[in-house]
N, C-alpha and C. Protein backbone atom coordinates (compact mmCIF):
# COMPACT_ATOMS: atom_id res chain seq x y z
N MET A 1 17.14 22.52 18.01
CA MET A 1 17.03 21.27 16.71
C MET A 1 16.47 19.97 16.96
N ASN A 2 15.82 19.08 16.21
CA ASN A 2 14.67 18.15 16.76
C ASN A 2 15.96 17.00 16.70
N ALA A 3 15.34 16.00 17.00
CA ALA A 3 16.04 14.93 17.08
C ALA A 3 16.50 14.59 15.55
N THR A 4 15.54 14.37 14.55
CA THR A 4 15.81 14.25 13.61
C THR A 4 16.71 14.92 13.01
N GLU A 5 17.42 15.76 13.27
CA GLU A 5 18.34 16.53 12.61
C GLU A 5 19.95 15.82 13.12
N SER A 6 20.03 15.64 14.09
CA SER A 6 21.00 14.94 15.17
C SER A 6 21.45 13.77 14.93
N LYS A 7 20.34 13.28 14.29
CA LYS A 7 20.29 11.61 14.48
C LYS A 7 19.71 11.01 13.22
N SER A 8 19.90 10.51 12.13
CA SER A 8 19.92 9.84 10.93
C SER A 8 18.36 9.05 11.09
N ILE A 9 17.20 9.09 10.03
CA ILE A 9 16.08 8.26 10.49
C ILE A 9 16.65 6.99 9.29
N LYS A 10 16.71 5.81 9.60
CA LYS A 10 16.93 4.80 8.93
C LYS A 10 16.25 3.96 8.39
N ILE A 11 16.22 3.86 6.99
CA ILE A 11 15.09 3.42 6.40
C ILE A 11 15.56 2.05 5.37
N ILE A 12 14.24 1.19 5.02
CA ILE A 12 14.44 0.58 3.78
C ILE A 12 13.99 0.73 2.88
N ILE A 13 14.44 0.71 1.63
CA ILE A 13 13.34 0.83 0.64
C ILE A 13 13.08 -0.55 -0.16
N ALA A 14 11.67 -0.59 -0.49
CA ALA A 14 11.33 -2.27 -1.16
C ALA A 14 10.20 -1.83 -2.32
N ASP A 15 11.05 -2.14 -3.18
CA ASP A 15 9.97 -2.06 -4.57
C ASP A 15 10.99 -2.60 -5.60
N ASP A 16 10.39 -2.99 -6.43
CA ASP A 16 11.02 -4.38 -7.39
C ASP A 16 11.27 -3.61 -8.97
N HIS A 17 11.39 -2.20 -8.55
CA HIS A 17 11.71 -1.21 -9.89
C HIS A 17 13.26 -0.88 -9.81
N PRO A 18 14.31 -1.66 -10.15
CA PRO A 18 15.51 -1.19 -9.71
C PRO A 18 15.61 0.48 -10.23
N LEU A 19 15.18 0.78 -11.07
CA LEU A 19 15.51 2.54 -11.60
C LEU A 19 14.63 3.49 -10.48
N PHE A 20 13.40 2.90 -10.21
CA PHE A 20 12.93 3.66 -8.90
C PHE A 20 13.42 4.11 -7.58
N ARG A 21 14.10 2.26 -7.38
CA ARG A 21 14.94 2.53 -6.06
C ARG A 21 16.44 3.63 -6.15
N ARG A 22 16.83 3.15 -7.49
CA ARG A 22 17.91 4.15 -7.30
C ARG A 22 17.57 5.86 -7.48
N GLY A 23 16.69 5.99 -7.85
CA GLY A 23 16.23 7.62 -8.08
C GLY A 23 15.81 8.30 -6.16
N LEU A 24 15.03 6.88 -5.77
CA LEU A 24 14.59 7.10 -4.44
C LEU A 24 15.96 7.58 -3.56
N LYS A 25 16.82 6.23 -3.86
CA LYS A 25 17.83 6.63 -2.76
C LYS A 25 18.89 7.86 -3.20
N HIS A 26 19.11 8.16 -4.46
CA HIS A 26 19.60 9.32 -4.89
C HIS A 26 18.82 10.63 -4.38
N ALA A 27 17.77 10.74 -4.15
CA ALA A 27 16.77 11.78 -3.92
C ALA A 27 17.25 12.14 -2.01
N LEU A 28 17.27 10.80 -1.56
CA LEU A 28 16.70 11.06 -0.25
C LEU A 28 18.44 11.13 0.35
N GLU A 29 19.46 10.89 -0.37
CA GLU A 29 20.84 10.99 -0.18
C GLU A 29 20.87 12.72 0.17
N GLU A 30 20.35 13.25 -0.56
CA GLU A 30 20.64 14.91 -0.82
C GLU A 30 19.75 15.38 1.02
N THR A 31 19.35 14.85 1.69
CA THR A 31 19.01 15.03 2.51
C THR A 31 20.20 14.78 3.99
N SER A 32 19.80 15.29 4.93
CA SER A 32 21.15 15.41 5.82
C SER A 32 20.67 14.29 7.23
N ASP A 33 19.18 13.53 7.20
CA ASP A 33 19.14 13.55 8.27
C ASP A 33 18.53 12.32 8.19
N ILE A 34 18.39 11.27 6.60
CA ILE A 34 17.59 9.85 6.41
C ILE A 34 18.93 9.18 5.56
N GLU A 35 18.71 8.26 6.33
CA GLU A 35 19.69 7.18 5.79
C GLU A 35 19.00 5.94 5.27
N VAL A 36 19.34 5.24 3.52
CA VAL A 36 18.80 4.66 3.45
C VAL A 36 19.91 3.34 3.77
N ILE A 37 19.53 2.25 4.43
CA ILE A 37 20.27 1.20 4.99
C ILE A 37 19.82 -0.07 4.31
N GLY A 38 19.30 -0.39 2.77
CA GLY A 38 18.75 -1.39 2.73
C GLY A 38 17.71 -1.42 1.68
N GLU A 39 17.70 -2.21 0.86
CA GLU A 39 16.77 -2.48 -0.80
C GLU A 39 16.62 -3.73 -0.65
N SER A 40 15.31 -3.91 -1.15
CA SER A 40 14.91 -5.13 -1.19
C SER A 40 13.54 -4.93 -2.40
N SER A 41 13.42 -6.41 -3.31
CA SER A 41 12.62 -5.88 -4.48
C SER A 41 11.57 -6.88 -4.63
N ASN A 42 11.43 -7.94 -3.49
CA ASN A 42 10.05 -8.28 -3.01
C ASN A 42 10.00 -8.85 -1.70
N GLY A 43 8.49 -9.47 -1.39
CA GLY A 43 8.41 -9.47 -0.31
C GLY A 43 9.37 -10.43 1.13
N ASP A 44 9.65 -11.76 0.49
CA ASP A 44 10.23 -12.85 1.04
C ASP A 44 11.84 -12.04 1.68
N ASP A 45 12.44 -11.51 0.59
CA ASP A 45 13.79 -10.45 0.76
C ASP A 45 13.43 -9.50 1.73
N LEU A 46 12.65 -9.02 2.05
CA LEU A 46 12.18 -7.90 2.54
C LEU A 46 11.69 -8.13 4.33
N LEU A 47 11.10 -9.50 4.35
CA LEU A 47 11.45 -10.04 5.76
C LEU A 47 12.34 -10.56 6.43
N SER A 48 13.22 -10.95 5.77
CA SER A 48 14.73 -11.05 6.17
C SER A 48 15.75 -10.00 6.44
N LEU A 49 15.25 -9.34 5.66
CA LEU A 49 16.11 -8.04 5.67
C LEU A 49 15.90 -7.02 6.45
N VAL A 50 14.71 -7.37 7.04
CA VAL A 50 14.22 -6.35 8.31
C VAL A 50 14.74 -7.13 9.09
N LYS A 51 14.73 -8.11 9.45
CA LYS A 51 15.80 -8.62 10.60
C LYS A 51 17.07 -8.54 10.86
N ASP A 52 17.75 -8.53 9.58
CA ASP A 52 18.99 -8.17 9.85
C ASP A 52 19.42 -6.22 10.06
N CYS A 53 18.35 -6.07 9.80
CA CYS A 53 19.12 -4.49 9.49
C CYS A 53 18.38 -3.45 10.35
N THR A 54 17.18 -4.07 10.86
CA THR A 54 16.65 -3.37 12.16
C THR A 54 16.50 -1.52 11.67
N PRO A 55 15.51 -1.35 10.62
CA PRO A 55 15.12 0.13 10.14
C PRO A 55 14.64 0.77 11.38
N GLU A 56 14.24 1.89 10.80
CA GLU A 56 13.37 2.93 11.98
C GLU A 56 12.35 3.34 11.09
N ILE A 57 11.94 2.77 9.83
CA ILE A 57 10.94 2.76 9.03
C ILE A 57 11.04 2.41 7.55
N ILE A 58 9.90 1.72 6.79
CA ILE A 58 10.79 0.89 5.42
C ILE A 58 8.99 1.28 4.51
N LEU A 59 9.90 2.12 3.58
CA LEU A 59 8.99 2.57 2.35
C LEU A 59 8.53 1.15 1.52
N LEU A 60 7.41 1.19 1.28
CA LEU A 60 7.10 -0.25 0.88
C LEU A 60 5.97 -0.01 -0.41
N ASP A 61 6.76 -0.50 -1.50
CA ASP A 61 5.65 -0.51 -2.69
C ASP A 61 4.81 -1.46 -2.45
N ILE A 62 4.07 -1.58 -2.81
CA ILE A 62 2.70 -2.40 -2.65
C ILE A 62 2.30 -3.57 -3.75
N ALA A 63 2.80 -3.59 -4.81
CA ALA A 63 2.59 -4.32 -6.16
C ALA A 63 3.70 -4.80 -6.58
N MET A 64 4.75 -5.18 -5.79
CA MET A 64 6.03 -6.33 -5.72
C MET A 64 5.46 -7.55 -5.83
N PRO A 65 6.71 -8.80 -6.48
CA PRO A 65 6.02 -9.89 -7.03
C PRO A 65 5.75 -10.83 -5.69
N GLY A 66 4.85 -12.07 -5.84
CA GLY A 66 4.95 -12.83 -4.46
C GLY A 66 3.80 -11.99 -3.83
N LYS A 67 3.82 -12.15 -1.97
CA LYS A 67 2.78 -11.95 -1.39
C LYS A 67 2.06 -10.35 -1.93
N SER A 68 0.90 -10.31 -1.85
CA SER A 68 -0.16 -9.41 -2.00
C SER A 68 0.54 -7.75 -1.02
N GLY A 69 0.27 -6.64 -1.51
CA GLY A 69 1.01 -5.70 -0.67
C GLY A 69 0.19 -6.11 0.72
N LEU A 70 -0.81 -5.92 0.98
CA LEU A 70 -1.75 -6.12 2.27
C LEU A 70 -1.82 -7.04 3.13
N ASP A 71 -1.25 -8.40 2.89
CA ASP A 71 -1.00 -9.51 3.30
C ASP A 71 0.76 -9.23 3.68
N LEU A 72 1.69 -8.76 2.82
CA LEU A 72 2.82 -8.56 3.49
C LEU A 72 2.67 -7.65 4.66
N LEU A 73 2.22 -6.03 4.27
CA LEU A 73 2.00 -5.17 5.41
C LEU A 73 1.72 -5.85 6.61
N LYS A 74 0.69 -6.92 6.94
CA LYS A 74 0.24 -7.40 7.66
C LYS A 74 0.87 -8.18 8.21
N GLN A 75 1.77 -9.05 7.63
CA GLN A 75 2.90 -10.01 8.17
C GLN A 75 3.90 -9.17 8.78
N LEU A 76 4.33 -8.05 8.13
CA LEU A 76 5.31 -7.34 9.10
C LEU A 76 4.77 -6.28 10.28
N LYS A 77 3.55 -6.15 10.08
CA LYS A 77 3.09 -5.52 11.58
C LYS A 77 2.76 -6.75 12.43
N ASN A 78 2.81 -8.08 12.38
CA ASN A 78 2.41 -8.91 13.15
C ASN A 78 4.01 -8.97 13.55
N GLU A 79 4.97 -9.34 12.44
CA GLU A 79 5.82 -9.28 13.42
C GLU A 79 7.05 -8.57 13.80
N HIS A 80 6.58 -7.41 13.73
CA HIS A 80 7.29 -6.46 13.95
C HIS A 80 6.40 -4.73 14.27
N PRO A 81 5.65 -4.70 15.01
CA PRO A 81 4.35 -4.77 15.70
C PRO A 81 4.85 -2.60 15.60
N LYS A 82 5.86 -2.47 16.05
CA LYS A 82 6.09 -1.02 16.34
C LYS A 82 7.18 -0.48 15.06
N LEU A 83 7.12 -1.22 13.87
CA LEU A 83 7.77 -0.52 12.92
C LEU A 83 7.07 -0.16 11.99
N PRO A 84 7.45 1.31 12.18
CA PRO A 84 6.30 2.39 11.00
C PRO A 84 6.61 1.96 9.25
N ILE A 85 5.52 2.08 8.76
CA ILE A 85 5.49 1.52 7.37
C ILE A 85 4.81 2.85 6.38
N LEU A 86 5.82 3.44 5.67
CA LEU A 86 4.63 3.89 4.58
C LEU A 86 4.57 3.75 3.22
N ILE A 87 3.37 2.98 2.76
CA ILE A 87 3.26 2.97 1.49
C ILE A 87 3.80 3.95 0.16
N LEU A 88 4.09 3.15 -0.61
CA LEU A 88 4.39 3.87 -1.85
C LEU A 88 3.61 3.51 -2.82
N SER A 89 2.88 4.23 -3.72
CA SER A 89 2.02 3.43 -4.70
C SER A 89 1.79 4.11 -5.84
N VAL A 90 1.51 3.89 -7.30
CA VAL A 90 1.02 4.10 -8.03
C VAL A 90 -0.37 4.71 -8.33
N TYR A 91 -1.11 3.50 -7.28
CA TYR A 91 -2.57 3.61 -7.39
C TYR A 91 -2.96 5.09 -6.52
N PRO A 92 -4.05 5.75 -6.93
CA PRO A 92 -4.62 6.85 -6.10
C PRO A 92 -4.78 6.53 -4.75
N GLU A 93 -4.81 7.59 -3.93
CA GLU A 93 -5.36 7.28 -2.11
C GLU A 93 -6.53 7.08 -2.45
N GLU A 94 -7.53 7.22 -3.05
CA GLU A 94 -9.27 7.00 -2.75
C GLU A 94 -9.17 5.60 -3.52
N GLN A 95 -8.12 4.87 -3.94
CA GLN A 95 -8.18 3.14 -4.14
C GLN A 95 -7.74 2.34 -2.93
N TYR A 96 -6.77 2.75 -2.19
CA TYR A 96 -6.22 1.94 -1.50
C TYR A 96 -5.41 2.15 0.01
N ALA A 97 -5.48 3.76 0.09
CA ALA A 97 -5.01 4.15 1.20
C ALA A 97 -5.61 3.94 2.84
N VAL A 98 -7.31 4.07 2.83
CA VAL A 98 -7.65 4.02 4.06
C VAL A 98 -7.42 2.36 4.32
N ARG A 99 -7.73 1.31 3.25
CA ARG A 99 -7.53 0.03 3.75
C ARG A 99 -5.96 -0.05 4.18
N PHE A 100 -5.34 0.21 3.59
CA PHE A 100 -3.68 -0.05 4.22
C PHE A 100 -3.25 0.55 5.46
N LEU A 101 -4.03 2.17 5.99
CA LEU A 101 -3.85 2.73 7.22
C LEU A 101 -4.46 2.00 7.99
N LYS A 102 -5.57 1.16 7.85
CA LYS A 102 -6.35 0.84 8.78
C LYS A 102 -5.55 -0.72 9.00
N ALA A 103 -5.21 -1.06 8.02
CA ALA A 103 -4.04 -2.58 8.36
C ALA A 103 -2.85 -2.22 8.92
N GLY A 104 -2.91 -0.60 9.17
CA GLY A 104 -1.47 -0.84 10.26
C GLY A 104 -0.19 0.14 9.66
N ALA A 105 -0.49 0.51 8.32
CA ALA A 105 0.71 1.78 7.70
C ALA A 105 0.28 3.04 8.51
N SER A 106 1.63 3.53 8.45
CA SER A 106 1.72 4.82 9.24
C SER A 106 1.72 5.95 8.20
N GLY A 107 1.51 5.31 6.84
CA GLY A 107 1.62 6.85 5.79
C GLY A 107 1.01 6.15 4.50
N TYR A 108 0.82 6.88 3.35
CA TYR A 108 0.40 6.49 1.83
C TYR A 108 0.71 7.70 1.11
N LEU A 109 1.78 7.18 0.09
CA LEU A 109 1.99 8.58 -0.81
C LEU A 109 2.37 7.98 -2.28
N ASN A 110 1.47 9.08 -3.11
CA ASN A 110 1.94 8.41 -4.43
C ASN A 110 3.43 8.63 -4.91
N LYS A 111 3.60 7.58 -5.72
CA LYS A 111 4.84 7.54 -6.50
C LYS A 111 5.50 9.09 -6.96
N GLU A 112 4.52 9.61 -7.54
CA GLU A 112 4.55 11.15 -8.39
C GLU A 112 5.15 11.76 -7.43
N SER A 113 4.64 11.80 -5.86
CA SER A 113 5.11 13.16 -5.17
C SER A 113 6.66 13.22 -5.19
N ALA A 114 6.68 14.80 -5.09
CA ALA A 114 7.92 15.12 -5.20
C ALA A 114 8.67 14.45 -3.67
N ALA A 115 10.11 14.46 -4.00
CA ALA A 115 11.14 14.68 -3.17
C ALA A 115 11.40 14.68 -2.19
N GLU A 116 10.43 16.27 -1.85
CA GLU A 116 10.71 16.72 -0.35
C GLU A 116 9.03 16.46 0.15
N LYS A 117 8.22 16.37 -0.60
CA LYS A 117 7.12 15.41 0.50
C LYS A 117 7.21 14.17 1.06
N LEU A 118 8.17 13.15 -0.10
CA LEU A 118 8.49 12.21 0.50
C LEU A 118 9.34 12.39 2.22
N ALA A 119 10.57 13.37 2.11
CA ALA A 119 11.09 13.73 2.95
C ALA A 119 10.06 14.06 4.53
N GLU A 120 9.67 14.65 4.32
CA GLU A 120 8.15 15.45 5.11
C GLU A 120 7.97 14.20 5.88
N ALA A 121 7.01 13.28 4.64
CA ALA A 121 6.55 12.13 5.10
C ALA A 121 7.05 11.41 5.99
N ILE A 122 8.19 10.82 5.66
CA ILE A 122 9.68 9.93 6.74
C ILE A 122 9.37 10.86 7.50
N ARG A 123 9.79 12.09 8.08
CA ARG A 123 10.10 12.86 9.12
C ARG A 123 8.76 12.65 10.04
N LYS A 124 7.52 12.87 9.61
CA LYS A 124 6.44 12.72 10.28
C LYS A 124 6.19 11.95 10.92
N ILE A 125 6.46 10.41 10.14
CA ILE A 125 6.16 9.18 10.69
C ILE A 125 7.30 8.78 11.66
N ALA A 126 8.75 9.21 11.62
CA ALA A 126 9.48 8.73 12.62
C ALA A 126 9.04 9.68 13.59
N ASP A 127 8.40 10.63 13.84
CA ASP A 127 7.96 11.53 15.22
C ASP A 127 6.89 10.54 15.85
N GLY A 128 6.24 9.76 15.01
CA GLY A 128 5.05 9.31 15.47
C GLY A 128 3.94 9.35 15.11
N GLY A 129 3.96 10.17 13.95
CA GLY A 129 2.81 10.90 13.24
C GLY A 129 2.22 9.53 12.04
N LYS A 130 0.96 10.16 11.22
CA LYS A 130 0.61 9.57 10.12
C LYS A 130 0.71 10.36 9.09
N TYR A 131 0.81 9.76 7.86
CA TYR A 131 0.83 10.71 6.77
C TYR A 131 -0.06 10.37 5.83
N ALA A 132 -1.07 11.21 5.57
CA ALA A 132 -2.01 11.13 4.00
C ALA A 132 -2.55 12.34 4.08
N SER A 133 -3.13 12.21 2.87
CA SER A 133 -4.26 13.63 2.83
C SER A 133 -5.14 13.68 4.16
N VAL A 134 -5.62 14.98 3.97
CA VAL A 134 -6.74 15.48 4.82
C VAL A 134 -7.82 14.40 4.61
N GLU A 135 -8.53 14.16 3.74
CA GLU A 135 -9.52 13.82 3.64
C GLU A 135 -9.30 12.25 3.84
N VAL A 136 -8.06 11.47 3.38
CA VAL A 136 -7.90 10.14 3.96
C VAL A 136 -8.19 10.25 5.74
N ILE A 137 -7.73 10.80 6.28
CA ILE A 137 -7.42 10.96 7.51
C ILE A 137 -8.73 11.80 8.04
N GLU A 138 -9.36 12.16 7.47
CA GLU A 138 -11.03 12.50 8.60
C GLU A 138 -11.50 11.38 7.99
N LYS A 139 -11.87 10.55 6.95
CA LYS A 139 -12.32 9.09 6.71
C LYS A 139 -11.88 8.47 8.00
N LEU A 140 -10.68 8.17 8.15
CA LEU A 140 -10.28 7.68 9.00
C LEU A 140 -10.97 7.92 10.35
N ALA A 141 -11.09 9.19 10.60
CA ALA A 141 -11.69 9.30 11.61
C ALA A 141 -12.94 9.25 12.17
N PHE A 142 -13.51 8.73 10.99
CA PHE A 142 -15.08 8.71 11.22
C PHE A 142 -15.56 6.99 10.96
N ASP A 143 -16.59 6.45 11.94
CA ASP A 143 -16.99 4.93 11.25
C ASP A 143 -18.33 4.98 11.07
N PHE A 144 -18.42 5.12 9.30
CA PHE A 144 -19.19 4.63 8.78
C PHE A 144 -20.53 3.51 9.31
N SER A 145 -21.01 3.21 9.36
CA SER A 145 -21.95 2.25 9.22
C SER A 145 -22.18 1.60 7.57
N ASN A 146 -22.50 0.25 7.86
CA ASN A 146 -22.17 -0.84 6.39
C ASN A 146 -23.28 0.21 5.81
N SER A 147 -24.41 1.03 6.16
CA SER A 147 -25.55 1.01 4.82
C SER A 147 -25.05 2.74 4.20
N GLU A 148 -23.94 3.51 5.05
CA GLU A 148 -23.15 4.39 4.57
C GLU A 148 -21.92 4.20 3.54
N LYS A 149 -21.68 3.31 3.88
CA LYS A 149 -20.59 2.86 3.22
C LYS A 149 -20.70 2.73 1.50
N PRO A 150 -19.61 3.25 0.58
CA PRO A 150 -20.09 3.04 -0.77
C PRO A 150 -19.57 1.72 -0.86
N ALA A 151 -20.27 0.89 -2.25
CA ALA A 151 -20.27 -0.45 -2.34
C ALA A 151 -19.02 -1.43 -1.98
N HIS A 152 -17.91 -0.46 -2.96
CA HIS A 152 -16.43 -1.20 -2.77
C HIS A 152 -15.93 -1.19 -1.50
N GLU A 153 -16.46 -0.60 -0.68
CA GLU A 153 -16.07 -0.97 1.01
C GLU A 153 -16.48 -1.67 1.71
N THR A 154 -17.31 -2.40 1.46
CA THR A 154 -18.27 -3.60 1.48
C THR A 154 -17.28 -4.86 1.90
N LEU A 155 -16.32 -4.64 0.80
CA LEU A 155 -15.76 -5.96 0.09
C LEU A 155 -14.58 -6.04 1.24
N SER A 156 -14.18 -7.89 1.20
CA SER A 156 -13.06 -7.84 2.36
C SER A 156 -11.43 -7.20 0.89
N ASP A 157 -10.76 -7.18 2.40
CA ASP A 157 -8.77 -6.76 1.50
C ASP A 157 -9.07 -7.69 0.18
N ARG A 158 -8.97 -8.96 -0.12
CA ARG A 158 -9.14 -9.94 -0.51
C ARG A 158 -9.76 -9.62 -2.05
N GLU A 159 -11.13 -9.58 -1.58
CA GLU A 159 -12.22 -8.96 -2.81
C GLU A 159 -11.63 -7.87 -3.40
N TYR A 160 -11.38 -6.74 -2.89
CA TYR A 160 -11.39 -5.33 -3.11
C TYR A 160 -9.96 -5.71 -4.22
N GLN A 161 -8.69 -6.41 -3.55
CA GLN A 161 -7.94 -6.68 -4.33
C GLN A 161 -8.31 -7.16 -5.49
N VAL A 162 -8.89 -8.36 -5.93
CA VAL A 162 -9.31 -8.74 -7.02
C VAL A 162 -10.35 -8.32 -8.01
N PHE A 163 -11.49 -6.86 -6.96
CA PHE A 163 -11.71 -5.91 -7.78
C PHE A 163 -11.41 -5.03 -8.80
N GLY A 164 -10.07 -4.35 -7.92
CA GLY A 164 -9.16 -3.59 -8.50
C GLY A 164 -8.47 -4.42 -9.93
N MET A 165 -8.12 -5.46 -9.54
CA MET A 165 -7.68 -6.13 -11.35
C MET A 165 -8.71 -6.67 -12.12
N ILE A 166 -10.06 -6.80 -11.92
CA ILE A 166 -10.98 -7.28 -13.00
C ILE A 166 -11.39 -5.84 -13.55
N ALA A 167 -11.05 -4.56 -12.78
CA ALA A 167 -11.57 -3.34 -12.92
C ALA A 167 -10.79 -2.50 -14.55
N VAL A 168 -9.12 -3.23 -14.13
CA VAL A 168 -7.83 -2.87 -14.74
C VAL A 168 -8.27 -3.61 -16.38
N GLY A 169 -8.99 -4.58 -16.15
CA GLY A 169 -9.04 -5.42 -17.64
C GLY A 169 -8.79 -7.10 -17.67
N LYS A 170 -7.98 -7.58 -16.00
CA LYS A 170 -7.21 -8.82 -16.06
C LYS A 170 -7.93 -9.70 -15.99
N SER A 171 -8.04 -10.48 -16.80
CA SER A 171 -8.49 -11.79 -16.66
C SER A 171 -8.51 -13.00 -15.44
N LEU A 172 -9.71 -13.82 -15.04
CA LEU A 172 -9.71 -14.97 -14.20
C LEU A 172 -8.23 -15.50 -13.98
N THR A 173 -7.72 -15.80 -14.78
CA THR A 173 -6.58 -16.63 -14.89
C THR A 173 -5.36 -15.75 -14.77
N GLU A 174 -5.41 -14.60 -15.28
CA GLU A 174 -4.28 -13.57 -15.20
C GLU A 174 -4.23 -13.57 -13.71
N ILE A 175 -5.17 -13.16 -12.66
CA ILE A 175 -5.31 -12.72 -11.64
C ILE A 175 -4.87 -13.89 -10.58
N GLY A 176 -5.00 -14.92 -11.00
CA GLY A 176 -5.03 -16.44 -10.64
C GLY A 176 -3.12 -16.65 -10.09
N VAL A 177 -2.76 -16.36 -11.52
CA VAL A 177 -1.59 -16.54 -11.50
C VAL A 177 -0.99 -15.19 -10.61
N GLU A 178 -1.15 -14.33 -10.80
CA GLU A 178 -0.57 -12.87 -10.07
C GLU A 178 -0.34 -13.16 -8.42
N LEU A 179 -1.98 -13.71 -8.22
CA LEU A 179 -2.03 -13.95 -6.49
C LEU A 179 -1.17 -15.00 -5.46
N SER A 180 -0.95 -15.84 -6.74
CA SER A 180 -0.80 -17.30 -6.37
C SER A 180 -1.98 -18.45 -5.85
N LEU A 181 -3.00 -17.97 -6.63
CA LEU A 181 -4.62 -18.56 -6.32
C LEU A 181 -5.14 -19.24 -7.41
N SER A 182 -5.76 -20.19 -7.25
CA SER A 182 -6.61 -21.32 -8.15
C SER A 182 -7.81 -20.17 -9.29
N VAL A 183 -7.92 -20.64 -10.10
CA VAL A 183 -8.72 -19.83 -10.81
C VAL A 183 -10.17 -19.72 -10.28
N LYS A 184 -10.37 -21.35 -9.95
CA LYS A 184 -11.74 -21.37 -8.93
C LYS A 184 -11.90 -20.63 -8.09
N THR A 185 -10.67 -20.36 -7.68
CA THR A 185 -10.93 -19.30 -6.06
C THR A 185 -10.98 -17.72 -6.67
N ILE A 186 -10.57 -17.65 -7.63
CA ILE A 186 -10.59 -16.00 -8.11
C ILE A 186 -12.33 -15.84 -8.80
N SER A 187 -12.25 -17.00 -9.23
CA SER A 187 -14.29 -16.82 -9.71
C SER A 187 -14.92 -17.02 -8.32
N THR A 188 -14.83 -17.64 -7.30
CA THR A 188 -15.43 -17.49 -6.01
C THR A 188 -15.56 -16.37 -5.53
N HIS A 189 -14.18 -15.25 -5.72
CA HIS A 189 -13.89 -14.23 -5.20
C HIS A 189 -14.96 -13.25 -6.20
N ARG A 190 -14.85 -13.30 -6.95
CA ARG A 190 -15.81 -12.80 -8.27
C ARG A 190 -17.23 -12.52 -8.09
N THR A 191 -17.43 -13.80 -7.84
CA THR A 191 -19.12 -14.08 -7.73
C THR A 191 -19.66 -13.45 -6.19
N ARG A 192 -18.80 -13.42 -4.83
CA ARG A 192 -18.78 -12.85 -3.96
C ARG A 192 -18.65 -11.19 -4.16
N ILE A 193 -17.76 -10.69 -5.08
CA ILE A 193 -17.96 -9.13 -5.65
C ILE A 193 -19.55 -8.63 -6.15
N LEU A 194 -19.63 -9.53 -7.04
CA LEU A 194 -20.91 -9.17 -7.65
C LEU A 194 -22.07 -8.92 -6.64
N GLU A 195 -22.03 -9.98 -6.18
CA GLU A 195 -23.42 -10.13 -5.08
C GLU A 195 -23.05 -8.99 -3.95
N LYS A 196 -21.81 -8.43 -3.13
CA LYS A 196 -21.86 -7.37 -2.57
C LYS A 196 -21.93 -6.17 -3.06
N MET A 197 -22.04 -5.81 -4.21
CA MET A 197 -21.88 -4.81 -5.09
C MET A 197 -23.26 -4.48 -6.08
N LYS A 198 -24.16 -5.70 -6.26
CA LYS A 198 -25.36 -5.89 -6.83
C LYS A 198 -24.99 -5.52 -8.13
N MET A 199 -24.35 -6.30 -8.87
CA MET A 199 -24.06 -5.78 -10.23
C MET A 199 -24.17 -7.40 -10.58
N LYS A 200 -23.87 -7.44 -11.94
CA LYS A 200 -24.22 -8.83 -12.18
C LYS A 200 -23.22 -9.38 -13.29
N LYS A 201 -21.99 -8.35 -13.97
CA LYS A 201 -20.76 -8.68 -14.67
C LYS A 201 -19.85 -7.61 -14.50
N ASN A 202 -18.79 -8.52 -15.39
CA ASN A 202 -17.29 -7.44 -15.43
C ASN A 202 -17.56 -6.15 -15.82
N ALA A 203 -18.51 -5.83 -16.24
CA ALA A 203 -18.15 -4.57 -17.49
C ALA A 203 -18.85 -3.53 -16.52
N GLU A 204 -20.17 -3.89 -15.72
CA GLU A 204 -20.28 -2.60 -14.80
C GLU A 204 -19.53 -2.55 -13.52
N LEU A 205 -18.65 -3.37 -13.09
CA LEU A 205 -17.30 -3.55 -12.03
C LEU A 205 -16.45 -2.36 -12.72
N ILE A 206 -16.36 -2.38 -14.14
CA ILE A 206 -15.63 -1.46 -14.49
C ILE A 206 -15.54 -0.16 -14.59
N HIS A 207 -17.31 0.22 -14.76
CA HIS A 207 -18.00 1.26 -15.09
C HIS A 207 -17.65 2.03 -13.94
N TYR A 208 -17.77 1.25 -12.54
CA TYR A 208 -18.06 1.40 -11.09
C TYR A 208 -16.32 2.46 -11.04
N ALA A 209 -15.93 1.06 -11.14
CA ALA A 209 -14.44 1.87 -10.85
C ALA A 209 -13.82 3.33 -11.58
N ILE A 210 -14.18 3.19 -12.67
CA ILE A 210 -14.03 4.67 -13.77
C ILE A 210 -14.85 5.58 -13.16
N THR A 211 -16.16 5.60 -12.96
CA THR A 211 -17.12 6.54 -12.76
C THR A 211 -16.68 7.39 -11.13
N ARG A 212 -16.01 6.34 -10.19
CA ARG A 212 -15.29 6.77 -8.95
C ARG A 212 -13.86 7.31 -8.92
N ASN A 213 -13.48 7.05 -9.78
CA ASN A 213 -11.72 7.66 -10.01
C ASN A 213 -10.66 6.37 -9.29
N LEU A 214 -11.59 5.13 -9.50
CA LEU A 214 -10.65 3.85 -8.22
C LEU A 214 -9.70 3.48 -9.03
N LEU A 215 -9.35 3.73 -10.38
CA LEU A 215 -8.07 3.36 -11.51
C LEU A 215 -7.38 4.30 -11.23
C-alpha cells in the first residue's frame, strides 16, 4: 500500500460559500486517507489558519472576498514555498489554469468535477505531482514566443483579471470595488488591455472572450 493509505492527507478548504465547503468536506469524509483539518472563507483568515494548522494541501477557491486569487496564491507560495495548492474554480481551465500553475499552484480543477476526481487530484498532488488536463500540462511544457501567443496571453496577471471582469459585463466602478482599486487605476488597466489586444472598445473584448470560450 502507498503512504497515503496509511497516513491521512491533511487539507484546508478555502471557499467563501459555506454550503460548498460543507458538501466538499462531506464528500472527502467518505475517503479513508484525506482529512479536512480547517476551513476558511477569505484570504486573511486562510493566511492565519495555515500558520496554525500546518496543512499538507490547500484547496483554494480563486474568487473569495479580499485579495485576488492570484495575489493570494503568490503570497501563500512566498510564505510557504513547499505547500501544495489545488485551485478549485467555476472558471474553465482555458481561462485561468495556465496562469495559476505558472504562479505556483500544483493543480487546477473545476468545481463541478466529481468527488472521485477531487480525491484523485489531492492524492496525486500529495505525491508531488501536478494535476490538470492533458492540454494544460502540454501547454505548460512549451515556451511559446510572444508572437505565437494568443492576444490575451500577452496580458499581465492583473490585466487578465480586469479583462475577465470586463468580459462578463462588470463596470469599471464594480471592478474597482471588487479589487480594492481606484476607478482611475482600473481605467488605466483597461487602456493597456485594449492597446495590447489591438482593440478599441469593451464590446470587442467581450466578443473575443466569447469566441475563445474564456467565459
